[in-house]
């Protein structure tokens, strides 16, 4: 279930679009700009604090989820490894429960009011609800693919490569929403593709050992999983944005609708691909504290980001993505010890970080503050 941050596919970012629309204040054009300077200063100070708090939360959520997921998939313990499909289903259940509690709170803890709302918005509007089956199915596929990717790629390479979702989202925005991109955005997409290509550029020596060949094969599987996830993220995010423009519902209610479909699709996928292992050792085989941490971060992290993005502009989101890439690289190298950076990786990472900033830059908007 956002386009964190970076892991959480565009889902949470699209959900927060409705929150952002009503949160723009042009201080320069405000009629009280000259008469209420103390109030303006206090508002700007509060907005600044929220922005930097948002930056910290985005970096923490993005980095911690990727690293804990990578660690959980490479941790060698006795017994079977946990099923990625089971973790996806568990995260959806936890997300549905959390959103249901939040809807209950928004309805002043009235059970009758919540039942009536769910009936009116979900049961009585089957066609509107069914529209969400498409992005829910894609998000479920994507979440499973990211487990595959992080089982075969180190966190740093994954983080950089996954920024290609900016490219796929841009392409689908142009083709499906008729959106126009500026020259600086097309330039950033070119830099992005170049940077990712350099990061993925093979570094081979004269003779390759059998272990290195197997490693290359594993990296190819991880790369294909990331690329497929990027395409699905771009399409689902734009499709979901199109749906959000047609109807107005709360963030939590939308998540319940998506979660219900995602749970069904995820459960079916688990029964189809992992039925034998489920029969042998159960759905929660291999679960430990790290596994439950991953499930919790995946379920709740995206919901936190959905709210946080309300206060974070595109520049701060670029900072968050960049800091997350840097932190993931450092932790992968010094702690997880599963990554050895090369010169090409550094050049590619710098290009990707620069592309992220350039794409999100909006010239001429210095007087506008989002609160």
Protein backbone atom coordinates (compact mmCIF):
# COMPACT_ATOMS: atom_id res chain seq x y z
CA UNK A 1 0.00 0.00 0.00
CA UNK A 2 3.96 5.29 -1.29
CA UNK A 3 5.12 6.59 -3.38
CA UNK A 4 6.69 6.91 0.12
CA UNK A 5 8.46 7.72 0.64
CA UNK A 6 10.20 5.51 -1.83
CA UNK A 7 9.14 2.07 -0.86
CA UNK A 8 5.53 2.72 -0.31
CA UNK A 9 4.27 2.86 -3.81
CA UNK A 10 2.49 6.00 -5.06
CA UNK A 11 -0.57 4.82 -3.16
CA UNK A 12 0.00 6.93 -0.04
CA UNK A 13 1.16 9.95 -2.02
CA UNK A 14 -2.02 9.89 -4.09
CA UNK A 15 -4.16 9.45 -1.00
CA UNK A 16 -2.60 12.56 0.49
CA UNK A 17 -3.26 14.64 -2.63
CA UNK A 18 -6.67 15.60 -1.31
CA UNK A 19 -5.04 16.80 1.90
CA UNK A 20 -2.59 18.94 -0.04
CA UNK A 21 -5.15 20.65 -2.26
CA UNK A 22 -6.63 22.65 0.58
CA UNK A 23 -3.32 23.44 2.24
CA UNK A 24 -1.73 26.13 0.05
CA UNK A 25 -1.43 29.66 1.33
CA UNK A 26 0.20 32.42 -0.67
CA UNK A 27 1.63 34.70 1.96
CA UNK A 28 2.55 37.41 -0.48
CA UNK A 29 -1.03 37.72 -1.70
CA UNK A 30 -2.63 37.56 1.73
CA UNK A 31 -4.72 40.67 2.50
CA UNK A 32 -3.50 40.67 6.09
CA UNK A 33 0.16 40.49 5.13
CA UNK A 34 0.90 43.94 6.44
CA UNK A 35 -1.32 44.02 9.49
CA UNK A 36 -0.69 40.65 11.07
CA UNK A 37 3.05 40.07 10.81
CA UNK A 38 3.42 38.28 14.19
CA UNK A 39 0.75 35.75 13.20
CA UNK A 40 2.43 35.25 9.83
CA UNK A 41 5.81 34.72 11.47
CA UNK A 42 4.32 32.19 13.90
CA UNK A 43 2.58 30.37 11.01
CA UNK A 44 5.81 30.25 8.99
CA UNK A 45 7.79 28.98 12.01
CA UNK A 46 5.18 26.28 12.66
CA UNK A 47 5.13 25.31 8.98
CA UNK A 48 8.93 25.13 8.93
CA UNK A 49 8.99 22.82 11.97
CA UNK A 50 6.36 20.54 10.40
CA UNK A 51 8.32 20.40 7.17
CA UNK A 52 11.53 19.32 8.83
CA UNK A 53 9.66 16.88 11.03
CA UNK A 54 8.14 15.49 7.82
CA UNK A 55 11.62 15.18 6.33
CA UNK A 56 12.81 13.16 9.32
CA UNK A 57 9.80 10.85 9.29
CA UNK A 58 10.06 10.26 5.52
CA UNK A 59 13.75 9.39 5.76
CA UNK A 60 13.23 7.15 8.79
CA UNK A 61 10.26 5.30 7.28
CA UNK A 62 11.84 4.77 3.88
CA UNK A 63 15.25 3.71 5.13
CA UNK A 64 14.11 1.52 8.03
CA UNK A 65 11.61 -0.42 5.91
CA UNK A 66 14.08 -1.18 3.12
CA UNK A 67 16.90 -2.16 5.48
CA UNK A 68 14.80 -4.31 7.81
CA UNK A 69 13.19 -6.04 4.84
CA UNK A 70 16.60 -6.72 3.29
CA UNK A 71 17.95 -7.97 6.64
CA UNK A 72 14.92 -10.22 7.20
CA UNK A 73 15.33 -11.83 3.77
CA UNK A 74 19.06 -12.53 4.22
CA UNK A 75 19.01 -13.53 7.90
CA UNK A 76 20.00 -17.18 8.25
CA UNK A 77 18.22 -18.97 11.08
CA UNK A 78 17.16 -22.52 11.77
CA UNK A 79 13.81 -23.48 10.32
CA UNK A 80 11.94 -22.19 7.26
CA UNK A 81 12.13 -18.61 6.08
CA UNK A 82 8.92 -16.61 6.35
CA UNK A 83 6.72 -16.37 3.27
CA UNK A 84 6.76 -13.00 1.51
CA UNK A 85 3.16 -13.57 0.42
CA UNK A 86 2.16 -14.15 4.05
CA UNK A 87 3.90 -10.93 5.13
CA UNK A 88 2.01 -8.95 2.47
CA UNK A 89 -1.32 -10.38 3.64
CA UNK A 90 -0.48 -9.71 7.30
CA UNK A 91 0.40 -6.10 6.50
CA UNK A 92 -2.95 -5.61 4.75
CA UNK A 93 -4.85 -7.01 7.72
CA UNK A 94 -2.99 -4.71 10.11
CA UNK A 95 -3.62 -1.74 7.83
CA UNK A 96 -7.34 -2.49 7.58
CA UNK A 97 -7.61 -2.76 11.38
CA UNK A 98 -5.73 0.53 11.89
CA UNK A 99 -7.83 2.41 9.33
CA UNK A 100 -11.06 1.01 10.77
CA UNK A 101 -10.06 2.32 14.21
CA UNK A 102 -9.29 5.74 12.69
CA UNK A 103 -12.65 5.85 10.88
CA UNK A 104 -14.29 4.88 14.19
CA UNK A 105 -12.48 7.80 15.85
CA UNK A 106 -13.52 10.23 13.07
CA UNK A 107 -17.15 9.22 13.71
CA UNK A 108 -16.86 10.18 17.40
CA UNK A 109 -16.56 6.52 18.41
CA UNK A 110 -20.10 5.86 17.19
CA UNK A 111 -20.45 2.26 16.05
CA UNK A 112 -23.75 3.03 14.32
CA UNK A 113 -22.27 6.02 12.50
CA UNK A 114 -19.29 4.00 11.32
CA UNK A 115 -21.50 1.15 10.07
CA UNK A 116 -23.68 3.62 8.20
CA UNK A 117 -20.64 5.29 6.62
CA UNK A 118 -19.14 1.99 5.51
CA UNK A 119 -22.50 0.89 4.09
CA UNK A 120 -23.02 4.15 2.19
CA UNK A 121 -19.50 4.46 0.81
CA UNK A 122 -18.64 0.81 0.15
CA UNK A 123 -21.70 -1.46 0.03
CA UNK A 124 -24.10 0.98 -1.65
CA UNK A 125 -21.53 2.08 -4.23
CA UNK A 126 -20.31 -1.22 -5.71
CA UNK A 127 -19.10 0.27 -9.00
CA UNK A 128 -17.06 2.94 -7.24
CA UNK A 129 -15.63 0.34 -4.90
CA UNK A 130 -14.80 -2.07 -7.74
CA UNK A 131 -12.71 0.61 -9.43
CA UNK A 132 -10.21 0.19 -6.63
CA UNK A 133 -9.74 -3.49 -7.45
CA UNK A 134 -7.33 -2.55 -10.26
CA UNK A 135 -4.81 -0.52 -8.18
CA UNK A 136 -5.24 -2.90 -5.23
CA UNK A 137 -4.28 -5.89 -7.39
CA UNK A 138 -1.29 -4.04 -8.82
CA UNK A 139 -0.13 -2.88 -5.38
CA UNK A 140 -0.36 -6.45 -4.09
CA UNK A 141 1.77 -7.68 -6.99
CA UNK A 142 4.20 -4.83 -6.41
CA UNK A 143 4.61 -5.53 -2.69
CA UNK A 144 5.43 -9.16 -3.45
CA UNK A 145 7.91 -8.09 -6.13
CA UNK A 146 9.74 -5.83 -3.69
CA UNK A 147 10.35 -8.80 -1.40
CA UNK A 148 11.83 -10.60 -4.39
CA UNK A 149 13.94 -7.56 -5.24
CA UNK A 150 15.35 -7.17 -1.73
CA UNK A 151 16.06 -10.88 -1.54
CA UNK A 152 18.39 -10.50 -4.52
CA UNK A 153 19.68 -6.91 -4.36
CA UNK A 154 21.46 -4.97 -1.66
CA UNK A 155 19.52 -2.08 -0.12
CA UNK A 156 21.64 0.66 -1.75
CA UNK A 157 21.28 -0.66 -5.31
CA UNK A 158 17.57 -1.27 -4.74
CA UNK A 159 17.02 2.28 -3.43
CA UNK A 160 18.71 3.90 -6.40
CA UNK A 161 17.08 1.67 -9.03
CA UNK A 162 13.61 2.06 -7.53
CA UNK A 163 13.77 5.80 -8.27
CA UNK A 164 12.86 4.80 -11.84
CA UNK A 165 9.27 4.95 -10.59
CA UNK A 166 9.60 8.72 -11.20
CA UNK A 167 10.11 7.97 -14.90
CA UNK A 168 7.22 5.50 -15.17
CA UNK A 169 4.88 7.80 -13.23
CA UNK A 170 5.80 10.70 -15.52
CA UNK A 171 5.13 8.64 -18.65
CA UNK A 172 1.73 7.45 -17.40
CA UNK A 173 0.85 10.99 -16.25
CA UNK A 174 1.49 12.30 -19.75
CA UNK A 175 -0.38 9.48 -21.52
CA UNK A 176 -3.30 8.97 -19.11
CA UNK A 177 -3.84 12.42 -17.57
CA UNK A 178 -2.59 14.60 -20.42
CA UNK A 179 -0.10 16.28 -18.09
CA UNK A 180 2.71 18.36 -19.56
CA UNK A 181 6.26 18.19 -18.29
CA UNK A 182 8.68 21.10 -18.28
CA UNK A 183 12.08 21.04 -19.95
CA UNK A 184 13.80 20.66 -16.58
CA UNK A 185 11.66 17.59 -15.85
CA UNK A 186 12.55 15.91 -19.14
CA UNK A 187 16.20 16.67 -18.38
CA UNK A 188 15.83 15.10 -14.94
CA UNK A 189 14.33 11.95 -16.47
CA UNK A 190 17.31 11.67 -18.82
CA UNK A 191 19.69 12.05 -15.85
CA UNK A 192 17.65 9.48 -13.93
CA UNK A 193 17.91 6.85 -16.65
CA UNK A 194 21.63 7.50 -17.05
CA UNK A 195 22.22 7.25 -13.30
CA UNK A 196 20.33 3.98 -12.91
CA UNK A 197 22.13 2.52 -15.95
CA UNK A 198 25.51 3.34 -14.34
CA UNK A 199 24.44 1.82 -11.02
CA UNK A 200 23.41 -1.40 -12.78
CA UNK A 201 26.43 -1.46 -15.12
CA UNK A 202 28.16 -4.85 -14.75
CA UNK A 203 31.67 -4.84 -13.33
CA UNK A 204 33.32 -8.02 -14.56
CA UNK A 205 36.85 -9.22 -14.41
CA UNK A 206 38.61 -11.61 -16.79
CA UNK A 207 37.50 -14.82 -15.11
CA UNK A 208 34.25 -15.26 -13.24
CA UNK A 209 33.84 -17.82 -10.51
CA UNK A 210 30.74 -19.96 -10.24
CA UNK A 211 29.72 -17.99 -7.13
CA UNK A 212 29.97 -14.71 -9.04
CA UNK A 213 27.91 -16.09 -11.92
CA UNK A 214 25.21 -17.15 -9.46
CA UNK A 215 25.38 -13.69 -7.88
CA UNK A 216 24.92 -12.06 -11.30
CA UNK A 217 21.93 -14.29 -11.97
CA UNK A 218 20.44 -13.33 -8.62
CA UNK A 219 21.00 -9.62 -9.34
CA UNK A 220 19.25 -9.98 -12.70
CA UNK A 221 16.19 -11.47 -10.94
CA UNK A 222 16.25 -8.58 -8.46
CA UNK A 223 16.60 -6.02 -11.24
CA UNK A 224 13.66 -7.45 -13.18
CA UNK A 225 11.56 -7.40 -10.00
CA UNK A 226 12.42 -3.73 -9.35
CA UNK A 227 11.73 -2.68 -12.94
CA UNK A 228 8.37 -4.45 -12.95
CA UNK A 229 7.55 -2.84 -9.60
CA UNK A 230 8.45 0.59 -11.03
CA UNK A 231 6.11 0.14 -14.00
CA UNK A 232 3.27 -1.12 -11.78
CA UNK A 233 3.87 1.71 -9.30
CA UNK A 234 3.66 4.34 -12.04
CA UNK A 235 0.48 2.95 -13.60
CA UNK A 236 -1.31 2.26 -10.31
CA UNK A 237 -0.37 5.66 -8.89
CA UNK A 238 -1.70 7.60 -11.89
CA UNK A 239 -4.81 5.40 -12.14
CA UNK A 240 -5.48 5.96 -8.45
CA UNK A 241 -4.96 9.71 -8.82
CA UNK A 242 -7.57 9.70 -11.59
CA UNK A 243 -10.04 7.95 -9.29
CA UNK A 244 -9.36 10.39 -6.45
CA UNK A 245 -10.23 13.33 -8.69
CA UNK A 246 -13.65 11.84 -9.40
CA UNK A 247 -14.75 11.19 -5.82
CA UNK A 248 -14.01 12.61 -2.38
CA UNK A 249 -13.52 10.23 0.52
CA UNK A 250 -11.33 10.20 3.59
CA UNK A 251 -7.81 8.80 3.43
CA UNK A 252 -8.66 6.07 5.93
CA UNK A 253 -11.81 4.95 4.12
CA UNK A 254 -9.90 4.67 0.85
CA UNK A 255 -7.29 2.55 2.60
CA UNK A 256 -9.99 0.22 3.93
CA UNK A 257 -11.36 -0.26 0.42
CA UNK A 258 -7.90 -0.86 -1.02
CA UNK A 259 -6.95 -3.10 1.89
CA UNK A 260 -9.96 -5.36 1.44
CA UNK A 261 -9.17 -5.98 -2.22
CA UNK A 262 -5.44 -6.30 -1.51
CA UNK A 263 -6.13 -8.85 1.21
CA UNK A 264 -8.24 -10.97 -1.14
CA UNK A 265 -5.67 -10.80 -3.96
CA UNK A 266 -2.79 -11.43 -1.56
CA UNK A 267 -4.50 -14.40 0.07
CA UNK A 268 -5.31 -15.94 -3.32
CA UNK A 269 -1.69 -15.47 -4.42
CA UNK A 270 -0.43 -17.09 -1.23
CA UNK A 271 -2.75 -20.08 -1.70
CA UNK A 272 -1.73 -20.49 -5.35
CA UNK A 273 2.06 -20.14 -5.07
CA UNK A 274 2.80 -21.18 -1.47
CA UNK A 275 0.00 -23.63 -0.69
CA UNK A 276 2.41 -26.55 -0.18
CA UNK A 277 4.56 -24.68 2.34
CA UNK A 278 1.46 -23.33 4.09
CA UNK A 279 0.15 -26.89 4.49
CA UNK A 280 3.47 -28.08 5.87
CA UNK A 281 4.31 -25.29 8.34
CA UNK A 282 1.39 -22.85 8.44
CA UNK A 283 0.90 -19.25 7.31
CA UNK A 284 3.13 -17.74 10.01
CA UNK A 285 6.09 -20.05 9.52
CA UNK A 286 9.46 -18.40 10.09
CA UNK A 287 7.96 -15.32 11.75
CA UNK A 288 10.12 -13.61 14.37
CA UNK A 289 10.56 -10.12 15.78
CA UNK A 290 12.26 -8.86 12.62
CA UNK A 291 9.44 -10.23 10.46
CA UNK A 292 6.78 -8.55 12.57
CA UNK A 293 8.79 -5.32 12.45
CA UNK A 294 8.77 -5.48 8.64
CA UNK A 295 5.02 -6.16 8.59
CA UNK A 296 4.33 -3.28 10.97
CA UNK A 297 6.55 -0.84 9.06
CA UNK A 298 4.92 -1.83 5.79
CA UNK A 299 1.40 -1.49 7.19
CA UNK A 300 1.68 1.62 9.36
CA UNK A 301 4.61 3.38 7.73
CA UNK A 302 2.69 4.17 4.56
CA UNK A 303 -0.24 5.56 6.55
CA UNK A 304 2.10 7.86 8.45
CA UNK A 305 3.69 9.03 5.20
CA UNK A 306 0.24 9.68 3.70
CA UNK A 307 -0.35 12.29 6.40
CA UNK A 308 3.24 13.56 6.55
CA UNK A 309 3.41 14.32 2.81
CA UNK A 310 0.76 16.99 3.42
CA UNK A 311 3.49 19.10 5.02
CA UNK A 312 6.40 18.17 2.75
CA UNK A 313 6.94 19.96 -0.56
CA UNK A 314 8.70 18.42 -3.57
CA UNK A 315 12.11 19.74 -2.55
CA UNK A 316 11.85 18.11 0.87
CA UNK A 317 10.69 14.86 -0.70
CA UNK A 318 13.81 15.05 -2.87
CA UNK A 319 15.92 15.54 0.26
CA UNK A 320 14.19 12.56 1.88
CA UNK A 321 14.87 10.31 -1.11
CA UNK A 322 18.50 11.45 -1.28
CA UNK A 323 19.17 11.02 2.44
CA UNK A 324 17.53 7.61 2.34
CA UNK A 325 19.80 6.50 -0.51
CA UNK A 326 22.89 7.76 1.34
CA UNK A 327 21.87 6.12 4.64
CA UNK A 328 21.02 2.84 2.92
CA UNK A 329 24.42 2.85 1.20
CA UNK A 330 26.30 3.51 4.44
CA UNK A 331 24.37 0.92 6.45
CA UNK A 332 24.61 -1.70 3.68
CA UNK A 333 28.39 -1.20 3.54
CA UNK A 334 29.27 -0.88 7.24
CA UNK A 335 26.59 -2.94 9.02
CA UNK A 336 24.97 -5.41 6.63
CA UNK A 337 28.26 -5.84 4.72
CA UNK A 338 26.40 -6.94 1.59
CA UNK A 339 27.45 -4.05 -0.63
CA UNK A 340 30.76 -2.84 -2.03
CA UNK A 341 30.41 0.53 -3.80
CA UNK A 342 32.18 1.21 -7.08
CA UNK A 343 33.04 4.41 -8.88
CA UNK A 344 30.19 3.87 -11.33
CA UNK A 345 27.76 3.38 -8.45
CA UNK A 346 28.75 6.71 -6.89
CA UNK A 347 28.44 8.58 -10.19
CA UNK A 348 25.08 6.93 -10.91
CA UNK A 349 23.77 7.63 -7.40
CA UNK A 350 24.74 11.31 -7.67
CA UNK A 351 22.92 11.57 -11.02
CA UNK A 352 19.81 9.91 -9.56
CA UNK A 353 19.83 12.24 -6.54
CA UNK A 354 20.28 15.27 -8.80
CA UNK A 355 17.45 14.06 -11.06
CA UNK A 356 15.15 13.71 -8.03
CA UNK A 357 15.78 17.32 -7.05
CA UNK A 358 15.46 18.70 -10.57
CA UNK A 359 12.21 16.84 -11.24
CA UNK A 360 10.57 18.18 -8.07
CA UNK A 361 11.82 21.74 -8.52
CA UNK A 362 9.10 24.30 -9.24
CA UNK A 363 10.52 27.62 -10.42
CA UNK A 364 8.73 30.76 -9.32
CA UNK A 365 6.95 29.22 -6.31
CA UNK A 366 9.13 30.73 -3.60
CA UNK A 367 6.26 32.78 -2.16
CA UNK A 368 4.00 29.79 -1.69
CA UNK A 369 4.10 27.87 1.55
CA UNK A 370 2.19 24.63 2.14
CA UNK A 371 0.75 24.22 5.60
